[in-house]
Amino acid sequence: MIHSYTSGWKGAHVIPDKPVPGAIPYLLRALDSFEVAIFSSRSKNPLGRQAMKRWLSNAIADHWEAGGNEPSLAECECWGDAASIHRRFSWPWFKPAALVTIDDRALTFNGDWASPEFSPSAILTFKPWNKR
């Protein structure tokens, strides 16, 4: 989860809140080792993807203006060009194949459909990290 959702869902192309603390430096470091695909419920909407790219570029610019951290390789390549750094990420409109998916609304399948966390009652009471 990158966007903090402190204001809740406002629509596919409205992204009002700041990033989750640590998200921007993490994403920039991850670019040094992985292709990073950003996929969201907004992704199927072209205006949603455009808003996500603009929001991430602005969040990276804010991170850099605030002093950021020691720059990653991706940051060194793009320093001063936050408006274009969103091009280093992929923006699929469908769930991509992945080595790992990081999501705030996912359960890791453990091979056992009888596990308590997959019961209807557990799923109905599921809360993402920011609602616990």
Protein backbone atom coordinates (compact mmCIF):
# COMPACT_ATOMS: atom_id res chain seq x y z
CA MET A 1 0.00 0.00 0.00
CA ILE A 2 1.48 3.30 -1.09
CA HIS A 3 -1.38 5.79 -0.61
CA SER A 4 -2.41 6.27 3.02
CA TYR A 5 -6.18 6.49 2.38
CA THR A 6 -6.69 8.71 5.42
CA SER A 7 -9.55 10.38 3.50
CA GLY A 8 -10.97 7.13 2.19
CA TRP A 9 -11.84 6.33 -1.42
CA LYS A 10 -12.72 9.43 -3.43
CA GLY A 11 -12.82 7.94 -6.92
CA ALA A 12 -10.45 6.40 -9.44
CA HIS A 13 -8.78 9.68 -10.41
CA VAL A 14 -8.86 11.45 -7.02
CA ILE A 15 -5.85 10.70 -4.79
CA PRO A 16 -5.87 13.26 -1.97
CA ASP A 17 -3.60 11.83 0.71
CA LYS A 18 0.10 11.52 1.37
CA PRO A 19 2.01 8.24 0.98
CA VAL A 20 2.34 5.74 3.79
CA PRO A 21 5.52 6.69 5.69
CA GLY A 22 8.53 4.95 4.15
CA ALA A 23 6.75 3.96 0.93
CA ILE A 24 8.61 6.31 -1.41
CA PRO A 25 12.16 5.44 -0.30
CA TYR A 26 11.20 1.75 -0.35
CA LEU A 27 9.87 1.96 -3.93
CA LEU A 28 12.93 3.85 -5.13
CA ARG A 29 15.28 1.28 -3.58
CA ALA A 30 13.19 -1.57 -5.03
CA LEU A 31 13.79 -0.20 -8.54
CA ASP A 32 17.47 -1.06 -8.08
CA SER A 33 16.61 -4.78 -7.88
CA PHE A 34 13.20 -5.35 -9.44
CA GLU A 35 10.76 -4.27 -12.07
CA VAL A 36 8.16 -2.57 -9.90
CA ALA A 37 4.59 -2.76 -11.20
CA ILE A 38 2.02 -0.58 -9.49
CA PHE A 39 -1.44 -2.09 -9.75
CA SER A 40 -4.50 -0.74 -7.98
CA SER A 41 -8.27 -0.75 -8.14
CA ARG A 42 -7.68 2.48 -10.11
CA SER A 43 -5.62 0.68 -12.76
CA LYS A 44 -8.44 -0.31 -15.12
CA ASN A 45 -9.44 3.34 -15.51
CA PRO A 46 -7.14 5.38 -17.82
CA LEU A 47 -7.78 8.50 -15.71
CA GLY A 48 -6.96 6.46 -12.62
CA ARG A 49 -3.59 5.36 -14.02
CA GLN A 50 -2.84 8.93 -15.09
CA ALA A 51 -3.71 10.18 -11.59
CA MET A 52 -1.52 7.48 -10.00
CA LYS A 53 1.47 8.49 -12.14
CA ARG A 54 1.00 12.17 -11.33
CA TRP A 55 0.52 11.42 -7.61
CA LEU A 56 3.65 9.24 -7.44
CA SER A 57 5.78 11.80 -9.31
CA ASN A 58 4.60 14.50 -6.88
CA ALA A 59 5.22 12.25 -3.87
CA ILE A 60 8.77 11.52 -5.09
CA ALA A 61 9.41 15.23 -5.66
CA ASP A 62 8.18 15.96 -2.13
CA HIS A 63 10.46 13.20 -0.78
CA TRP A 64 13.47 14.69 -2.57
CA GLU A 65 12.63 18.27 -1.54
CA ALA A 66 12.39 17.13 2.08
CA GLY A 67 15.94 15.79 1.87
CA GLY A 68 15.04 12.16 1.22
CA ASN A 69 17.61 9.54 2.04
CA GLU A 70 20.87 8.60 0.40
CA PRO A 71 19.70 8.22 -3.19
CA SER A 72 19.18 4.82 -4.75
CA LEU A 73 20.53 4.05 -8.22
CA ALA A 74 17.11 4.87 -9.68
CA GLU A 75 17.11 8.21 -7.89
CA CYS A 76 20.59 9.05 -9.13
CA GLU A 77 19.44 8.44 -12.72
CA CYS A 78 16.35 10.59 -12.28
CA TRP A 79 17.44 13.20 -9.74
CA GLY A 80 15.84 16.50 -10.59
CA ASP A 81 13.42 14.81 -12.96
CA ALA A 82 10.66 13.66 -10.63
CA ALA A 83 8.07 14.43 -13.30
CA SER A 84 9.48 11.55 -15.39
CA ILE A 85 10.45 9.01 -12.74
CA HIS A 86 7.00 7.40 -12.95
CA ARG A 87 8.27 5.94 -16.26
CA ARG A 88 10.64 3.69 -14.28
CA PHE A 89 7.60 1.84 -12.90
CA SER A 90 5.21 -0.30 -14.91
CA TRP A 91 1.51 0.56 -14.71
CA PRO A 92 -0.49 -2.52 -15.76
CA TRP A 93 -4.24 -2.29 -16.09
CA PHE A 94 -4.56 -5.95 -15.04
CA LYS A 95 -2.97 -7.93 -12.20
CA PRO A 96 0.52 -8.82 -13.45
CA ALA A 97 2.45 -12.02 -12.91
CA ALA A 98 4.80 -11.38 -10.02
CA LEU A 99 7.54 -12.80 -7.87
CA VAL A 100 5.70 -11.28 -4.90
CA THR A 101 2.58 -9.16 -4.57
CA ILE A 102 2.39 -6.65 -1.72
CA ASP A 103 -1.19 -5.71 -0.96
CA ASP A 104 -3.14 -4.54 2.07
CA ARG A 105 -6.17 -6.68 1.21
CA ALA A 106 -4.66 -10.08 0.49
CA LEU A 107 -4.28 -13.38 2.29
CA THR A 108 -1.39 -15.70 1.56
CA PHE A 109 -2.70 -19.07 0.47
CA ASN A 110 -1.09 -21.78 2.59
CA GLY A 111 -2.34 -24.81 0.66
CA ASP A 112 -5.16 -25.54 3.09
CA TRP A 113 -8.63 -24.21 2.27
CA ALA A 114 -9.80 -25.40 5.71
CA SER A 115 -7.53 -22.88 7.47
CA PRO A 116 -9.50 -20.57 9.79
CA GLU A 117 -8.36 -17.40 7.98
CA PHE A 118 -10.28 -18.54 4.86
CA SER A 119 -13.59 -19.08 6.64
CA PRO A 120 -16.43 -16.82 5.52
CA SER A 121 -16.66 -15.27 8.98
CA ALA A 122 -12.92 -14.45 9.02
CA ILE A 123 -13.10 -12.94 5.55
CA LEU A 124 -16.18 -10.88 6.47
CA THR A 125 -14.33 -9.42 9.48
CA PHE A 126 -11.02 -8.87 7.67
CA LYS A 127 -9.48 -5.45 8.24
CA PRO A 128 -6.52 -4.01 6.34
CA TRP A 129 -3.55 -2.75 8.35
CA ASN A 130 -4.82 0.85 8.50
CA LYS A 131 -8.21 -0.15 9.96
CA ARG A 132 -6.94 -2.40 12.77
